């Protein structure tokens, strides 16, 4: 079955057009409730509201982001019996929390503009911040600062003047106010976000509230609107244990400028003062909430819910924790710590070799796979097996740095064979440099022995973030799903011999990743090899069925 996925009015109509032209069914992601907020902007486009209802009513499946939009979708298709609505709740971003900063720094983020000021409330954030400092200056120290991120580019010049002036008027002193445009560099934004004392999501209405969700993921104390899918999610799934970790505010707002009310300013400024007075408690609450959410929701869970809604075949991983409970009958034959599987690789390389065709290492390359012992094992194996190939494809660049930021320096043990720093970013950069030098040195050695042998070794950088590391040795497949922050802390799963279709799925995952690296000769070689192996496994399956 072919599914076309559309995003409300943005790409929903295209999904229906594609299904009409090529066949298949349509699922619509419901991410905005036009009924609830468009009239407040005086845009009030009745056609948009009507078109959204039509699209949702026509969809085979509606994928609603969080409980608030689930209720919205249900209301919009009340007259359609048997409408299939599924709730999707995203995972948190993978961000390593930092201690509270010494200087009080607040941030509010979103797509801010005068047209949606009544909804997004950037002005309220500025007014409340100034009022809080003016009312209780001792709580905020000498150099408090406010950042407003996401201002409409056409309004930046004006608002870079207006916001600081308004904050100064209310604070009774000059206060640093940083006003910035919209930024699509998500990795850098998340790295910056975790450094703040507090984040504010003060929307009059928010279908879900991903900016607040990201603040929870960064363990930053959050002041949030009650009228948001985020708040409803925390309330519904964690009750007081979750909402007690938030500063939840009912935003009354106004359709006339400045679009907020005095009681809104008081409520938000009081919340800011509570956080400023007790930053340790606020941070502890933020860490507790992050922990609660991480235990309940994940991107793997969201993907599983997505697949279940569309009745797609998927890996059913019921729980990923230090214990790892699997519901994967007949798919895996063993599950052990990653480093233990390296022994199977070394044993298979010893002459006479069990592996004689190809070794493919794809993803993060462990220190154990790139030390002097590994160097000797690879070289001897290639020299002893004249038709064998070795490919090392290692995670690099932005993807590796993004993963590094998730690591806690205090939890990183000293490497046994490499003098690697504990600081995660420096550690990842040095490790990447080591692997590059390792591969270059191996290529040089092989070329010195026999140029034809050197041609059977290839290495390349994989710049896309990966969800699973893979090790393939002839017909043996080992997977390391990145459910833990460090691959060495998770399990490596050996795929059962009879799980041929699953092996094909794994190879298609690698092919899909490498085909994006157009023009890379090593990537092309790996893709060709995997396609040949897929044909071989498929033919074997057909013979067995015949």
Protein backbone atom coordinates (compact mmCIF):
# COMPACT_ATOMS: atom_id res chain seq x y z
CA UNK A 1 0.00 0.00 0.00
CA UNK A 2 1.27 3.45 -0.96
CA UNK A 3 0.63 6.31 1.46
CA UNK A 4 0.84 10.01 0.66
CA UNK A 5 1.44 12.19 3.72
CA UNK A 6 0.28 15.81 3.73
CA UNK A 7 0.65 18.61 6.29
CA UNK A 8 -2.71 20.31 6.85
CA UNK A 9 -3.30 23.00 4.21
CA UNK A 10 0.40 23.33 3.44
CA UNK A 11 0.91 20.11 1.50
CA UNK A 12 -2.38 18.33 2.13
CA UNK A 13 -3.85 19.21 -1.29
CA UNK A 14 -0.69 17.89 -2.98
CA UNK A 15 -1.06 14.57 -1.17
CA UNK A 16 -4.59 14.17 -2.55
CA UNK A 17 -3.41 15.13 -6.05
CA UNK A 18 -0.62 12.55 -5.86
CA UNK A 19 -3.00 9.83 -4.68
CA UNK A 20 -5.37 10.65 -7.52
CA UNK A 21 -2.60 10.53 -10.12
CA UNK A 22 -0.62 7.53 -8.87
CA UNK A 23 -2.99 5.67 -6.55
CA UNK A 24 -2.70 5.06 -2.83
CA UNK A 25 -4.21 6.46 0.35
CA UNK A 26 -3.80 9.79 2.13
CA UNK A 27 -2.82 10.61 5.70
CA UNK A 28 -2.93 14.22 6.89
CA UNK A 29 -0.82 15.56 9.76
CA UNK A 30 -3.04 17.94 11.75
CA UNK A 31 -0.70 20.57 13.18
CA UNK A 32 -2.78 23.76 13.24
CA UNK A 33 -6.32 24.53 14.34
CA UNK A 34 -7.37 27.47 12.15
CA UNK A 35 -10.76 27.69 13.84
CA UNK A 36 -9.14 28.52 17.15
CA UNK A 37 -6.81 31.36 16.23
CA UNK A 38 -7.38 32.78 12.74
CA UNK A 39 -10.36 34.92 13.81
CA UNK A 40 -8.23 36.57 16.52
CA UNK A 41 -5.90 37.86 13.81
CA UNK A 42 -8.77 39.43 11.88
CA UNK A 43 -7.57 37.43 8.93
CA UNK A 44 -10.54 35.20 9.49
CA UNK A 45 -10.18 33.50 6.13
CA UNK A 46 -13.33 31.40 6.08
CA UNK A 47 -12.03 29.56 3.03
CA UNK A 48 -8.96 28.32 4.94
CA UNK A 49 -11.11 27.11 7.83
CA UNK A 50 -13.51 25.40 5.46
CA UNK A 51 -10.71 23.90 3.36
CA UNK A 52 -9.00 22.48 6.44
CA UNK A 53 -12.20 20.73 7.48
CA UNK A 54 -12.64 19.36 3.95
CA UNK A 55 -9.09 18.01 3.83
CA UNK A 56 -9.38 16.33 7.23
CA UNK A 57 -12.77 14.87 6.37
CA UNK A 58 -11.37 13.40 3.13
CA UNK A 59 -8.26 11.83 4.66
CA UNK A 60 -8.03 8.09 5.19
CA UNK A 61 -6.08 8.74 8.40
CA UNK A 62 -5.61 11.93 10.46
CA UNK A 63 -2.37 12.17 12.43
CA UNK A 64 -2.93 14.73 15.19
CA UNK A 65 0.08 16.19 17.00
CA UNK A 66 -0.81 15.89 20.69
CA UNK A 67 -4.11 15.74 22.59
CA UNK A 68 -5.29 19.27 21.85
CA UNK A 69 -5.11 18.74 18.10
CA UNK A 70 -6.55 15.25 18.49
CA UNK A 71 -9.65 16.87 20.00
CA UNK A 72 -9.60 19.50 17.25
CA UNK A 73 -9.50 16.85 14.53
CA UNK A 74 -12.32 14.90 16.14
CA UNK A 75 -14.50 18.02 16.27
CA UNK A 76 -13.84 18.74 12.60
CA UNK A 77 -14.98 15.30 11.44
CA UNK A 78 -17.90 14.76 13.82
CA UNK A 79 -20.19 14.04 10.88
CA UNK A 80 -17.91 11.32 9.53
CA UNK A 81 -18.47 7.99 11.22
CA UNK A 82 -15.44 5.77 11.68
CA UNK A 83 -12.90 8.52 11.03
CA UNK A 84 -9.45 7.18 11.89
CA UNK A 85 -7.60 9.69 14.07
CA UNK A 86 -4.26 8.83 15.67
CA UNK A 87 -2.35 10.92 18.19
CA UNK A 88 1.35 11.55 17.57
CA UNK A 89 3.50 12.96 20.35
CA UNK A 90 7.05 13.83 19.31
CA UNK A 91 10.15 12.86 21.20
CA UNK A 92 12.30 15.44 22.89
CA UNK A 93 15.37 16.78 21.14
CA UNK A 94 18.53 15.06 22.29
CA UNK A 95 20.24 17.85 24.19
CA UNK A 96 22.61 17.56 27.14
CA UNK A 97 21.40 19.77 29.98
CA UNK A 98 23.66 22.40 31.51
CA UNK A 99 23.63 23.94 34.99
CA UNK A 100 21.74 27.19 35.48
CA UNK A 101 23.79 30.18 34.29
CA UNK A 102 25.06 32.66 36.87
CA UNK A 103 23.57 35.59 34.97
CA UNK A 104 19.78 35.57 34.56
CA UNK A 105 18.94 35.13 30.88
CA UNK A 106 15.45 34.67 29.44
CA UNK A 107 14.42 33.66 25.93
CA UNK A 108 11.22 33.46 23.93
CA UNK A 109 11.14 31.84 20.50
CA UNK A 110 8.67 31.54 17.66
CA UNK A 111 7.56 33.05 14.39
CA UNK A 112 6.91 36.55 15.68
CA UNK A 113 5.32 39.27 13.59
CA UNK A 114 2.79 42.05 13.96
CA UNK A 115 0.20 40.00 12.08
CA UNK A 116 0.28 37.25 14.69
CA UNK A 117 1.22 39.30 17.77
CA UNK A 118 -2.15 38.55 19.38
CA UNK A 119 -1.27 34.85 19.16
CA UNK A 120 2.48 34.61 19.77
CA UNK A 121 2.82 37.46 22.34
CA UNK A 122 6.42 38.60 21.86
CA UNK A 123 5.39 41.97 23.31
CA UNK A 124 4.05 40.30 26.44
CA UNK A 125 7.40 38.58 27.01
CA UNK A 126 9.20 41.93 26.79
CA UNK A 127 6.68 43.76 28.99
CA UNK A 128 6.70 41.04 31.66
CA UNK A 129 10.50 40.89 31.69
CA UNK A 130 10.80 44.66 32.16
CA UNK A 131 8.08 44.69 34.82
CA UNK A 132 9.75 41.85 36.75
CA UNK A 133 13.09 43.64 36.85
CA UNK A 134 11.48 46.93 37.76
CA UNK A 135 9.49 45.37 40.58
CA UNK A 136 12.15 43.11 42.09
CA UNK A 137 15.54 44.19 40.74
CA UNK A 138 17.53 42.32 43.40
CA UNK A 139 16.14 38.98 42.18
CA UNK A 140 17.70 39.38 38.75
CA UNK A 141 21.21 40.60 39.52
CA UNK A 142 23.16 43.25 37.69
CA UNK A 143 23.05 42.07 34.08
CA UNK A 144 19.81 40.23 33.24
CA UNK A 145 19.10 39.84 29.53
CA UNK A 146 16.20 38.93 27.27
CA UNK A 147 16.42 37.31 23.83
CA UNK A 148 13.54 37.37 21.35
CA UNK A 149 14.28 34.89 18.57
CA UNK A 150 12.18 34.62 15.42
CA UNK A 151 11.15 38.20 14.60
CA UNK A 152 9.82 38.77 11.09
CA UNK A 153 12.75 39.92 8.93
CA UNK A 154 10.70 42.86 7.60
CA UNK A 155 10.17 44.14 11.14
CA UNK A 156 13.64 43.60 12.61
CA UNK A 157 14.90 47.17 12.32
CA UNK A 158 11.84 48.66 14.00
CA UNK A 159 11.51 46.05 16.72
CA UNK A 160 15.20 46.13 17.60
CA UNK A 161 14.44 49.63 18.79
CA UNK A 162 10.94 49.14 20.22
CA UNK A 163 11.59 46.15 22.49
CA UNK A 164 14.66 47.53 24.33
CA UNK A 165 12.91 50.89 24.82
CA UNK A 166 9.81 49.23 26.30
CA UNK A 167 11.83 46.97 28.61
CA UNK A 168 13.90 49.93 29.81
CA UNK A 169 10.75 51.98 30.49
CA UNK A 170 9.26 49.24 32.67
CA UNK A 171 12.51 48.16 34.32
CA UNK A 172 13.59 51.69 35.14
CA UNK A 173 17.04 50.96 33.76
CA UNK A 174 18.78 49.92 30.59
CA UNK A 175 18.56 46.16 30.04
CA UNK A 176 20.24 44.07 27.31
CA UNK A 177 17.53 42.96 24.88
CA UNK A 178 18.64 40.87 21.89
CA UNK A 179 16.17 40.85 18.99
CA UNK A 180 16.90 38.32 16.23
CA UNK A 181 15.24 37.04 13.09
CA UNK A 182 14.05 33.53 12.41
CA UNK A 183 16.87 30.99 12.37
CA UNK A 184 16.63 27.53 10.77
CA UNK A 185 19.89 26.27 12.32
CA UNK A 186 18.18 23.92 14.75
CA UNK A 187 21.33 22.31 16.13
CA UNK A 188 22.87 25.66 17.02
CA UNK A 189 19.58 26.92 18.48
CA UNK A 190 19.29 23.89 20.76
CA UNK A 191 22.88 24.31 21.86
CA UNK A 192 22.12 27.94 22.71
CA UNK A 193 18.75 27.24 24.32
CA UNK A 194 20.19 25.03 27.07
CA UNK A 195 22.26 27.98 28.33
CA UNK A 196 19.24 30.07 29.42
CA UNK A 197 17.72 30.55 32.87
CA UNK A 198 14.14 30.39 31.55
CA UNK A 199 12.20 30.01 28.32
CA UNK A 200 8.77 31.54 27.69
CA UNK A 201 6.04 30.19 25.39
CA UNK A 202 3.22 32.66 26.00
CA UNK A 203 0.95 31.95 23.04
CA UNK A 204 -2.72 32.79 23.36
CA UNK A 205 -3.30 29.50 21.54
CA UNK A 206 -0.79 26.80 20.60
CA UNK A 207 -1.84 23.57 18.89
CA UNK A 208 1.12 21.79 20.40
CA UNK A 209 4.11 24.05 21.13
CA UNK A 210 7.35 22.61 19.80
CA UNK A 211 9.43 25.54 21.07
CA UNK A 212 8.30 24.76 24.60
CA UNK A 213 8.87 21.05 24.00
CA UNK A 214 12.44 21.87 22.98
CA UNK A 215 12.91 23.86 26.20
CA UNK A 216 11.79 20.79 28.17
CA UNK A 217 14.29 18.70 26.19
CA UNK A 218 17.03 21.17 27.09
CA UNK A 219 15.96 21.09 30.78
CA UNK A 220 15.33 24.84 30.78
CA UNK A 221 12.64 26.09 33.22
CA UNK A 222 9.55 26.88 31.16
CA UNK A 223 6.79 29.45 31.50
CA UNK A 224 4.02 28.21 29.25
CA UNK A 225 0.50 29.06 28.23
CA UNK A 226 -2.16 26.76 29.64
CA UNK A 227 -3.93 26.93 26.28
CA UNK A 228 -1.40 24.75 24.49
CA UNK A 229 -1.11 21.16 23.41
CA UNK A 230 2.14 20.98 25.36
CA UNK A 231 0.46 21.81 28.65
CA UNK A 232 -2.41 19.42 27.94
CA UNK A 233 0.10 16.65 27.16
CA UNK A 234 1.96 17.16 30.43
CA UNK A 235 -1.31 17.41 32.39
CA UNK A 236 -2.93 14.38 30.77
CA UNK A 237 0.03 12.01 31.00
CA UNK A 238 1.81 13.15 34.16
CA UNK A 239 -0.82 15.10 36.13
CA UNK A 240 0.58 17.19 38.98
CA UNK A 241 3.97 15.48 38.85
CA UNK A 242 4.43 17.11 35.46
CA UNK A 243 2.49 20.38 35.68
CA UNK A 244 4.12 21.10 39.02
CA UNK A 245 7.42 21.39 37.16
CA UNK A 246 6.03 24.13 34.89
CA UNK A 247 5.06 27.74 35.38
CA UNK A 248 1.67 27.56 33.64
CA UNK A 249 -0.09 30.84 32.83
CA UNK A 250 -3.55 31.56 31.46
CA UNK A 251 -3.03 34.23 28.79
CA UNK A 252 -6.09 36.45 28.35
CA UNK A 253 -4.70 38.64 25.53
CA UNK A 254 -6.51 41.34 23.55
CA UNK A 255 -7.35 41.79 19.88
CA UNK A 256 -6.26 45.45 20.17
CA UNK A 257 -2.67 46.63 20.58
CA UNK A 258 -0.54 45.89 22.52
CA UNK A 259 -2.50 42.59 22.47
CA UNK A 260 -1.93 41.68 26.13
CA UNK A 261 -3.63 42.68 29.38
CA UNK A 262 -2.26 43.96 32.66
CA UNK A 263 -3.14 40.67 34.36
CA UNK A 264 -1.08 38.80 31.74
CA UNK A 265 1.95 40.99 32.47
CA UNK A 266 1.57 40.46 36.23
CA UNK A 267 1.19 36.70 35.88
CA UNK A 268 4.26 36.26 33.66
CA UNK A 269 6.43 38.71 35.64
CA UNK A 270 5.55 36.90 38.89
CA UNK A 271 6.57 33.60 37.29
CA UNK A 272 9.87 35.14 36.20
CA UNK A 273 10.48 36.37 39.74
CA UNK A 274 9.80 32.94 41.23
CA UNK A 275 12.36 31.36 38.90
CA UNK A 276 14.92 34.14 39.50
CA UNK A 277 14.57 33.84 43.30
CA UNK A 278 14.95 30.06 43.33
CA UNK A 279 16.95 29.07 40.25
CA UNK A 280 18.14 25.76 41.70
CA UNK A 281 14.61 24.63 42.42
CA UNK A 282 13.47 25.75 38.96
CA UNK A 283 16.31 23.81 37.34
CA UNK A 284 15.57 20.70 39.38
CA UNK A 285 11.94 20.88 38.26
CA UNK A 286 13.05 21.23 34.64
CA UNK A 287 15.33 18.20 34.95
CA UNK A 288 12.54 16.20 36.57
CA UNK A 289 10.10 17.08 33.80
CA UNK A 290 12.64 16.20 31.12
CA UNK A 291 13.12 12.81 32.78
CA UNK A 292 9.37 12.15 32.97
CA UNK A 293 8.82 13.01 29.33
CA UNK A 294 11.83 11.02 28.11
CA UNK A 295 10.55 7.92 29.90
CA UNK A 296 7.15 8.19 28.22
CA UNK A 297 7.75 9.68 24.77
CA UNK A 298 10.43 9.24 22.11
CA UNK A 299 10.86 9.69 18.39
CA UNK A 300 10.96 5.91 18.11
CA UNK A 301 7.57 5.80 19.82
CA UNK A 302 6.22 8.51 17.52
CA UNK A 303 7.45 6.55 14.51
CA UNK A 304 5.85 3.38 15.85
CA UNK A 305 2.54 5.22 16.38
CA UNK A 306 2.79 6.60 12.84
CA UNK A 307 3.37 3.13 11.39
CA UNK A 308 0.61 1.62 13.50
CA UNK A 309 -1.88 4.25 12.30
CA UNK A 310 -1.05 3.41 8.69
CA UNK A 311 -0.89 -0.32 9.40
CA UNK A 312 2.72 -0.45 8.26
CA UNK A 313 5.06 -3.26 9.23
CA UNK A 314 7.57 -2.02 11.77
CA UNK A 315 10.06 -3.14 14.37
CA UNK A 316 8.08 -3.32 17.58
CA UNK A 317 10.43 -2.24 20.33
CA UNK A 318 8.24 -2.09 23.40
CA UNK A 319 10.81 -0.47 25.65
CA UNK A 320 14.34 0.87 25.37
CA UNK A 321 16.10 1.27 28.68
CA UNK A 322 19.13 -0.24 30.36
CA UNK A 323 17.29 -3.58 30.44
CA UNK A 324 15.96 -3.55 26.85
CA UNK A 325 12.79 -5.55 26.43
CA UNK A 326 12.28 -6.76 22.87
CA UNK A 327 9.20 -7.97 21.05
CA UNK A 328 11.07 -9.18 17.99
CA UNK A 329 10.45 -12.92 17.66
CA UNK A 330 12.72 -14.65 15.11
CA UNK A 331 14.38 -11.38 14.07
CA UNK A 332 17.46 -11.33 16.29
CA UNK A 333 19.54 -14.27 17.39
CA UNK A 334 21.55 -12.47 20.06
CA UNK A 335 21.86 -9.16 21.91
CA UNK A 336 25.07 -8.20 23.67
CA UNK A 337 27.12 -5.14 24.50
CA UNK A 338 28.57 -3.64 21.36
CA UNK A 339 32.19 -4.27 22.18
CA UNK A 340 31.53 -8.01 22.67
CA UNK A 341 30.43 -8.35 19.05
CA UNK A 342 33.82 -7.08 17.94
CA UNK A 343 35.25 -10.38 19.14
CA UNK A 344 33.08 -12.19 16.61
CA UNK A 345 34.46 -9.91 13.92
CA UNK A 346 38.10 -10.53 14.92
CA UNK A 347 37.53 -14.28 15.10
CA UNK A 348 35.99 -14.24 11.63
CA UNK A 349 38.95 -12.33 10.18
CA UNK A 350 41.59 -14.77 11.43
CA UNK A 351 43.17 -16.94 8.74
CA UNK A 352 41.58 -19.12 7.43
CA UNK A 353 38.85 -16.49 7.44
CA UNK A 354 35.18 -17.15 8.04
CA UNK A 355 34.46 -13.88 6.23
CA UNK A 356 35.78 -13.78 2.67
CA UNK A 357 33.67 -11.29 0.73
CA UNK A 358 33.08 -7.98 2.48
CA UNK A 359 33.27 -6.15 5.79
CA UNK A 360 31.17 -2.97 6.02
CA UNK A 361 31.36 -0.71 9.08
CA UNK A 362 28.65 1.96 8.89
CA UNK A 363 28.15 4.71 11.47
CA UNK A 364 30.10 5.63 14.56
CA UNK A 365 33.38 3.74 14.54
CA UNK A 366 34.33 2.52 18.00
CA UNK A 367 37.86 3.01 19.26
CA UNK A 368 38.15 -0.79 19.32
CA UNK A 369 37.52 -0.85 15.56
CA UNK A 370 40.24 1.68 14.84
CA UNK A 371 43.16 0.81 17.12
CA UNK A 372 46.43 -0.91 16.27
CA UNK A 373 44.96 -4.38 16.69
CA UNK A 374 42.18 -3.51 14.25
CA UNK A 375 44.75 -2.06 11.84
CA UNK A 376 46.66 -5.35 11.74
CA UNK A 377 43.50 -7.46 11.49
CA UNK A 378 42.12 -5.50 8.51
CA UNK A 379 45.44 -5.50 6.65
CA UNK A 380 46.09 -9.22 7.12
CA UNK A 381 42.52 -10.11 6.16
CA UNK A 382 42.64 -8.14 2.92
CA UNK A 383 46.04 -9.56 2.00
CA UNK A 384 44.93 -13.14 2.76
CA UNK A 385 41.62 -12.87 0.86
CA UNK A 386 42.33 -11.55 -2.65
CA UNK A 387 38.67 -10.86 -3.55
CA UNK A 388 37.53 -9.39 -0.22
CA UNK A 389 36.54 -5.75 0.26
CA UNK A 390 36.59 -3.52 3.35
CA UNK A 391 34.49 -0.35 3.67
CA UNK A 392 34.59 2.04 6.63
CA UNK A 393 31.80 4.64 6.53
CA UNK A 394 32.00 6.86 9.58
CA UNK A 395 29.64 9.50 10.95
CA UNK A 396 31.22 12.91 10.52
CA UNK A 397 30.79 16.67 10.54
CA UNK A 398 27.55 18.23 11.83
CA UNK A 399 25.97 14.85 12.60
CA UNK A 400 28.88 13.80 14.80
CA UNK A 401 29.01 17.18 16.54
CA UNK A 402 25.26 17.10 17.20
CA UNK A 403 25.66 13.71 18.86
CA UNK A 404 28.63 14.97 20.86
CA UNK A 405 26.50 17.68 22.43
CA UNK A 406 24.30 14.98 23.96
CA UNK A 407 27.14 13.47 25.96
CA UNK A 408 27.77 14.18 29.61
CA UNK A 409 31.51 14.65 30.22
CA UNK A 410 31.17 13.17 33.71
CA UNK A 411 29.87 9.89 32.24
CA UNK A 412 32.60 9.46 29.63
CA UNK A 413 35.24 6.96 30.64
CA UNK A 414 38.87 7.28 29.61
CA UNK A 415 39.63 5.53 26.34
CA UNK A 416 41.91 2.56 26.79
CA UNK A 417 43.99 3.14 23.66
CA UNK A 418 43.48 6.79 22.74
CA UNK A 419 44.19 9.91 24.72
CA UNK A 420 40.76 11.48 24.10
CA UNK A 421 39.52 14.54 26.00
CA UNK A 422 36.38 14.30 28.11
CA UNK A 423 34.81 17.46 26.67
CA UNK A 424 32.32 15.96 24.16
CA UNK A 425 32.84 18.24 21.15
CA UNK A 426 36.63 18.16 21.38
CA UNK A 427 36.44 14.40 21.95
CA UNK A 428 34.33 13.84 18.83
CA UNK A 429 36.53 16.07 16.68
CA UNK A 430 39.71 14.33 17.84
CA UNK A 431 38.14 10.91 17.35
CA UNK A 432 37.07 11.81 13.82
CA UNK A 433 40.59 13.03 13.07
CA UNK A 434 41.96 9.75 14.44
CA UNK A 435 39.67 7.65 12.23
CA UNK A 436 40.55 9.70 9.15
CA UNK A 437 44.27 9.25 9.85
CA UNK A 438 43.70 5.55 10.60
CA UNK A 439 42.02 5.01 7.23
CA UNK A 440 44.64 7.01 5.34
CA UNK A 441 47.42 5.07 7.02
CA UNK A 442 45.77 1.74 6.18
CA UNK A 443 45.30 2.80 2.55
CA UNK A 444 48.97 3.84 2.36
CA UNK A 445 50.15 0.52 3.83
CA UNK A 446 48.02 -1.54 1.44
CA UNK A 447 49.13 0.51 -1.56
CA UNK A 448 52.73 -0.10 -0.56
CA UNK A 449 52.16 -3.86 -0.42
CA UNK A 450 49.99 -4.20 -3.53
CA UNK A 451 48.06 -1.47 -5.34
CA UNK A 452 45.30 -3.93 -6.25
CA UNK A 453 44.76 -4.65 -2.54
CA UNK A 454 44.50 -0.95 -1.78
CA UNK A 455 41.67 -0.68 -4.33
CA UNK A 456 39.64 -3.16 -2.26
CA UNK A 457 39.59 -0.78 0.70
CA UNK A 458 37.43 2.31 0.82
CA UNK A 459 36.44 4.85 3.46
CA UNK A 460 34.12 7.84 3.47
CA UNK A 461 32.50 10.32 5.79
CA UNK A 462 28.73 10.11 6.39
CA UNK A 463 27.47 13.61 7.12
CA UNK A 464 23.83 12.72 7.76
CA UNK A 465 22.70 11.96 11.31
CA UNK A 466 22.12 8.24 11.79
CA UNK A 467 19.62 6.34 13.89
CA UNK A 468 21.40 2.97 13.71
CA UNK A 469 24.98 1.81 13.34
CA UNK A 470 25.49 -1.29 11.21
CA UNK A 471 28.26 -3.85 10.87
CA UNK A 472 27.99 -6.35 7.99
CA UNK A 473 30.43 -9.25 7.65
CA UNK A 474 29.44 -11.32 4.61
CA UNK A 475 25.98 -12.61 5.61
CA UNK A 476 26.22 -11.65 9.29
CA UNK A 477 24.47 -8.42 10.27
CA UNK A 478 24.94 -6.54 13.55
CA UNK A 479 22.82 -3.51 14.43
CA UNK A 480 23.34 -0.90 17.14
CA UNK A 481 20.16 1.22 17.40
CA UNK A 482 21.07 4.55 19.01
CA UNK A 483 18.54 4.47 21.82
CA UNK A 484 21.17 5.45 24.37
CA UNK A 485 23.24 8.59 24.15
CA UNK A 486 26.41 6.60 23.64
CA UNK A 487 26.54 3.63 21.30
CA UNK A 488 28.84 1.78 23.71
CA UNK A 489 26.08 1.91 26.34
CA UNK A 490 23.46 0.24 24.17
CA UNK A 491 23.16 -3.26 22.78
CA UNK A 492 24.29 -4.63 19.46
CA UNK A 493 21.78 -7.02 17.95
CA UNK A 494 22.79 -9.88 15.68
CA UNK A 495 20.17 -10.39 12.98
CA UNK A 496 18.97 -13.97 12.71
CA UNK A 497 20.03 -15.88 9.60
CA UNK A 498 16.45 -16.46 8.46
CA UNK A 499 15.46 -12.76 8.75
CA UNK A 500 16.23 -12.11 5.10
CA UNK A 501 13.66 -9.40 4.45
CA UNK A 502 14.84 -7.52 7.49
CA UNK A 503 18.43 -7.68 6.22
CA UNK A 504 17.22 -6.20 2.95
CA UNK A 505 15.50 -3.41 4.90
CA UNK A 506 18.78 -2.66 6.69
CA UNK A 507 20.69 -2.49 3.42
CA UNK A 508 18.07 -0.21 1.89
CA UNK A 509 18.54 2.10 4.90
CA UNK A 510 22.28 2.30 4.15
CA UNK A 511 21.69 2.73 0.41
CA UNK A 512 19.20 5.54 1.02
CA UNK A 513 21.77 7.33 3.19
CA UNK A 514 24.71 6.89 0.82
CA UNK A 515 22.85 7.77 -2.38
CA UNK A 516 22.56 11.32 -1.03
CA UNK A 517 26.36 11.61 -1.29
CA UNK A 518 26.38 12.02 -5.05
CA UNK A 519 29.70 11.71 -6.81
CA UNK A 520 31.46 9.81 -4.00
CA UNK A 521 33.22 6.85 -5.58
CA UNK A 522 33.36 4.81 -2.36
CA UNK A 523 29.66 5.41 -1.67
CA UNK A 524 28.88 4.19 -5.18
CA UNK A 525 30.93 1.03 -4.59
CA UNK A 526 29.16 0.30 -1.32
CA UNK A 527 25.75 0.83 -2.93
CA UNK A 528 26.64 -1.50 -5.81
CA UNK A 529 27.83 -4.18 -3.41
CA UNK A 530 24.68 -3.92 -1.27
CA UNK A 531 22.38 -4.06 -4.30
CA UNK A 532 24.18 -7.21 -5.43
CA UNK A 533 23.80 -8.72 -1.95
CA UNK A 534 20.09 -7.81 -1.95
CA UNK A 535 19.67 -9.64 -5.27
CA UNK A 536 21.49 -12.67 -3.86
CA UNK A 537 19.36 -12.82 -0.70
CA UNK A 538 16.15 -12.29 -2.69
CA UNK A 539 17.03 -15.09 -5.08
CA UNK A 540 17.79 -17.39 -2.14
CA UNK A 541 14.40 -16.62 -0.62
CA UNK A 542 12.64 -17.33 -3.91
CA UNK A 543 14.41 -20.69 -4.21
CA UNK A 544 13.42 -21.67 -0.69
CA UNK A 545 9.79 -20.77 -1.35
CA UNK A 546 9.72 -22.68 -4.65
